[in-house]
């Protein structure tokens, strides 16, 4: 099992930046990718970004490229999501996920991940 704990959420103003962290513990050696998803009220959960833990390849939802950056610190078993120039439509609960069994396509397009965190609320006001 892998446990994921998100932190860093909060309330910000339009144009502000925020960095989310996701600390993984447990059998982290069984995972090869980590990702961020978000779920806004009244909407489906959507993919935000993913990173492979060995090759450092990164993947983003198209509309977020250039403003959001995913990174990792393998020594700390932690993945980060840096969010810049935030907008009210970025308001959502952000979830960290880790996976060791699905393809990166399944992760990014279908949200197929083995492990999920509890989520952290991000609110952007205008």
C-alpha atoms as a PDB file:
ATOM      1  CA  UNK A   1       0.000   0.000   0.000  1.00  0.00           C
ATOM      2  CA  UNK A   2       0.993   3.588  -0.613  1.00  0.00           C
ATOM      3  CA  UNK A   3      -0.277   6.481   1.457  1.00  0.00           C
ATOM      4  CA  UNK A   4      -0.504   9.952  -0.039  1.00  0.00           C
ATOM      5  CA  UNK A   5      -0.940  13.153   1.913  1.00  0.00           C
ATOM      6  CA  UNK A   6      -1.537  16.434   0.140  1.00  0.00           C
ATOM      7  CA  UNK A   7      -0.803  19.829   1.614  1.00  0.00           C
ATOM      8  CA  UNK A   8      -0.513  23.429   0.518  1.00  0.00           C
ATOM      9  CA  UNK A   9      -4.081  24.165  -0.445  1.00  0.00           C
ATOM     10  CA  UNK A  10      -5.801  27.353   0.562  1.00  0.00           C
ATOM     11  CA  UNK A  11      -7.490  30.510  -0.628  1.00  0.00           C
ATOM     12  CA  UNK A  12      -5.746  32.880  -3.010  1.00  0.00           C
ATOM     13  CA  UNK A  13      -6.578  35.787  -5.288  1.00  0.00           C
ATOM     14  CA  UNK A  14      -6.628  35.768  -9.074  1.00  0.00           C
ATOM     15  CA  UNK A  15      -3.084  35.971 -10.390  1.00  0.00           C
ATOM     16  CA  UNK A  16      -1.516  34.510  -7.250  1.00  0.00           C
ATOM     17  CA  UNK A  17       0.620  31.396  -7.053  1.00  0.00           C
ATOM     18  CA  UNK A  18       0.268  28.317  -4.906  1.00  0.00           C
ATOM     19  CA  UNK A  19       2.342  25.174  -4.497  1.00  0.00           C
ATOM     20  CA  UNK A  20       0.797  21.878  -3.542  1.00  0.00           C
ATOM     21  CA  UNK A  21       2.809  19.041  -2.074  1.00  0.00           C
ATOM     22  CA  UNK A  22       2.089  15.341  -1.989  1.00  0.00           C
ATOM     23  CA  UNK A  23       4.098  13.178   0.367  1.00  0.00           C
ATOM     24  CA  UNK A  24       4.096   9.471  -0.344  1.00  0.00           C
ATOM     25  CA  UNK A  25       4.844   6.738   2.166  1.00  0.00           C
ATOM     26  CA  UNK A  26       4.617   2.967   2.292  1.00  0.00           C
ATOM     27  CA  UNK A  27       5.513   0.838  -0.706  1.00  0.00           C
ATOM     28  CA  UNK A  28       6.569   3.741  -2.878  1.00  0.00           C
ATOM     29  CA  UNK A  29       8.939   1.501  -4.814  1.00  0.00           C
ATOM     30  CA  UNK A  30       5.862  -0.085  -6.387  1.00  0.00           C
ATOM     31  CA  UNK A  31       4.852   3.146  -8.133  1.00  0.00           C
ATOM     32  CA  UNK A  32       6.280   4.578 -11.333  1.00  0.00           C
ATOM     33  CA  UNK A  33       4.174   7.669 -11.835  1.00  0.00           C
ATOM     34  CA  UNK A  34       2.410  10.283  -9.775  1.00  0.00           C
ATOM     35  CA  UNK A  35      -0.252  12.679 -10.835  1.00  0.00           C
ATOM     36  CA  UNK A  36      -2.554  15.484  -9.823  1.00  0.00           C
ATOM     37  CA  UNK A  37      -6.251  15.590 -10.537  1.00  0.00           C
ATOM     38  CA  UNK A  38      -8.919  18.064  -9.531  1.00  0.00           C
ATOM     39  CA  UNK A  39     -12.621  17.988  -8.917  1.00  0.00           C
ATOM     40  CA  UNK A  40     -14.611  21.183  -9.105  1.00  0.00           C
ATOM     41  CA  UNK A  41     -18.233  21.469  -7.935  1.00  0.00           C
ATOM     42  CA  UNK A  42     -20.627  20.347 -10.622  1.00  0.00           C
ATOM     43  CA  UNK A  43     -17.883  19.012 -12.857  1.00  0.00           C
ATOM     44  CA  UNK A  44     -16.225  15.715 -13.542  1.00  0.00           C
ATOM     45  CA  UNK A  45     -12.871  14.985 -12.007  1.00  0.00           C
ATOM     46  CA  UNK A  46     -10.153  16.021 -14.454  1.00  0.00           C
ATOM     47  CA  UNK A  47      -6.510  15.297 -15.018  1.00  0.00           C
ATOM     48  CA  UNK A  48      -4.101  18.109 -14.201  1.00  0.00           C
ATOM     49  CA  UNK A  49      -0.546  16.815 -14.507  1.00  0.00           C
ATOM     50  CA  UNK A  50       1.560  13.684 -14.163  1.00  0.00           C
ATOM     51  CA  UNK A  51       5.205  12.819 -13.813  1.00  0.00           C
ATOM     52  CA  UNK A  52       7.100   9.591 -14.263  1.00  0.00           C
ATOM     53  CA  UNK A  53       9.304   8.916 -11.287  1.00  0.00           C
ATOM     54  CA  UNK A  54      12.255   7.429 -13.113  1.00  0.00           C
ATOM     55  CA  UNK A  55      12.407   9.233 -16.448  1.00  0.00           C
ATOM     56  CA  UNK A  56      11.148  12.610 -15.259  1.00  0.00           C
ATOM     57  CA  UNK A  57       8.719  12.855 -18.158  1.00  0.00           C
ATOM     58  CA  UNK A  58       5.882  15.254 -17.478  1.00  0.00           C
ATOM     59  CA  UNK A  59       2.360  15.456 -18.830  1.00  0.00           C
ATOM     60  CA  UNK A  60      -0.198  18.252 -18.570  1.00  0.00           C
ATOM     61  CA  UNK A  61      -3.772  19.025 -19.340  1.00  0.00           C
ATOM     62  CA  UNK A  62      -3.402  21.215 -22.391  1.00  0.00           C
ATOM     63  CA  UNK A  63      -4.994  24.347 -20.992  1.00  0.00           C
ATOM     64  CA  UNK A  64      -2.683  24.328 -17.973  1.00  0.00           C
ATOM     65  CA  UNK A  65       0.608  24.110 -19.805  1.00  0.00           C
ATOM     66  CA  UNK A  66       2.785  27.080 -19.053  1.00  0.00           C
ATOM     67  CA  UNK A  67       1.048  27.958 -15.786  1.00  0.00           C
ATOM     68  CA  UNK A  68       1.204  24.702 -13.832  1.00  0.00           C
ATOM     69  CA  UNK A  69       4.393  22.724 -13.237  1.00  0.00           C
ATOM     70  CA  UNK A  70       4.719  19.273 -11.725  1.00  0.00           C
ATOM     71  CA  UNK A  71       7.997  18.228 -10.181  1.00  0.00           C
ATOM     72  CA  UNK A  72       9.316  15.605  -7.816  1.00  0.00           C
ATOM     73  CA  UNK A  73      11.867  15.041  -5.106  1.00  0.00           C
ATOM     74  CA  UNK A  74      12.497  11.323  -5.017  1.00  0.00           C
ATOM     75  CA  UNK A  75      14.654  11.591  -1.906  1.00  0.00           C
ATOM     76  CA  UNK A  76      11.643  12.976  -0.053  1.00  0.00           C
ATOM     77  CA  UNK A  77       9.071  10.845  -1.899  1.00  0.00           C
ATOM     78  CA  UNK A  78       7.258  14.066  -2.616  1.00  0.00           C
ATOM     79  CA  UNK A  79       5.635  15.484  -5.715  1.00  0.00           C
ATOM     80  CA  UNK A  80       4.778  19.137  -6.135  1.00  0.00           C
ATOM     81  CA  UNK A  81       2.350  21.111  -8.223  1.00  0.00           C
ATOM     82  CA  UNK A  82       3.332  24.715  -8.736  1.00  0.00           C
ATOM     83  CA  UNK A  83       0.360  26.761  -9.879  1.00  0.00           C
ATOM     84  CA  UNK A  84       0.976  30.264 -11.227  1.00  0.00           C
ATOM     85  CA  UNK A  85      -1.311  33.044 -12.473  1.00  0.00           C
ATOM     86  CA  UNK A  86      -4.241  31.312 -10.909  1.00  0.00           C
ATOM     87  CA  UNK A  87      -7.806  31.887 -12.036  1.00  0.00           C
ATOM     88  CA  UNK A  88     -11.183  31.397 -10.348  1.00  0.00           C
ATOM     89  CA  UNK A  89     -11.844  28.401 -12.616  1.00  0.00           C
ATOM     90  CA  UNK A  90      -8.892  26.658 -10.955  1.00  0.00           C
ATOM     91  CA  UNK A  91     -10.992  26.380  -7.807  1.00  0.00           C
ATOM     92  CA  UNK A  92     -11.350  22.694  -6.943  1.00  0.00           C
ATOM     93  CA  UNK A  93     -10.301  19.949  -4.621  1.00  0.00           C
ATOM     94  CA  UNK A  94      -6.924  18.782  -5.836  1.00  0.00           C
ATOM     95  CA  UNK A  95      -6.018  15.139  -5.447  1.00  0.00           C
ATOM     96  CA  UNK A  96      -2.658  13.464  -5.606  1.00  0.00           C
ATOM     97  CA  UNK A  97      -2.474   9.991  -7.102  1.00  0.00           C
ATOM     98  CA  UNK A  98       0.202   7.367  -7.541  1.00  0.00           C
ATOM     99  CA  UNK A  99       0.307   4.399  -9.822  1.00  0.00           C
ATOM    100  CA  UNK A 100       2.376   1.390 -10.636  1.00  0.00           C
ATOM    101  CA  UNK A 101       0.167  -0.710 -12.864  1.00  0.00           C
ATOM    102  CA  UNK A 102      -1.463   1.415 -15.533  1.00  0.00           C
ATOM    103  CA  UNK A 103      -0.079   3.050 -18.635  1.00  0.00           C
ATOM    104  CA  UNK A 104       0.550   6.767 -18.641  1.00  0.00           C
ATOM    105  CA  UNK A 105      -2.240   7.067 -21.198  1.00  0.00           C
ATOM    106  CA  UNK A 106      -4.675   5.364 -18.832  1.00  0.00           C
ATOM    107  CA  UNK A 107      -3.564   7.651 -16.040  1.00  0.00           C
ATOM    108  CA  UNK A 108      -3.855  10.878 -17.983  1.00  0.00           C
ATOM    109  CA  UNK A 109      -6.995  10.110 -19.966  1.00  0.00           C
ATOM    110  CA  UNK A 110      -8.982   7.820 -17.669  1.00  0.00           C
ATOM    111  CA  UNK A 111      -7.660   8.715 -14.242  1.00  0.00           C
ATOM    112  CA  UNK A 112      -6.660   5.156 -13.560  1.00  0.00           C
ATOM    113  CA  UNK A 113      -4.438   5.269 -10.516  1.00  0.00           C
ATOM    114  CA  UNK A 114      -3.854   2.737  -7.787  1.00  0.00           C
ATOM    115  CA  UNK A 115      -3.607   5.142  -4.888  1.00  0.00           C
ATOM    116  CA  UNK A 116      -5.272   8.427  -4.041  1.00  0.00           C
ATOM    117  CA  UNK A 117      -4.850  11.088  -1.414  1.00  0.00           C
ATOM    118  CA  UNK A 118      -7.659  12.736   0.503  1.00  0.00           C
ATOM    119  CA  UNK A 119      -7.482  15.957  -1.461  1.00  0.00           C
ATOM    120  CA  UNK A 120      -6.761  19.560  -0.618  1.00  0.00           C
ATOM    121  CA  UNK A 121      -9.074  22.472  -1.309  1.00  0.00           C
ATOM    122  CA  UNK A 122      -7.872  25.286  -3.540  1.00  0.00           C
ATOM    123  CA  UNK A 123     -10.048  28.377  -3.841  1.00  0.00           C
ATOM    124  CA  UNK A 124      -9.257  31.264  -6.170  1.00  0.00           C
ATOM    125  CA  UNK A 125     -11.271  34.421  -5.748  1.00  0.00           C
ATOM    126  CA  UNK A 126     -11.566  37.250  -8.221  1.00  0.00           C
END
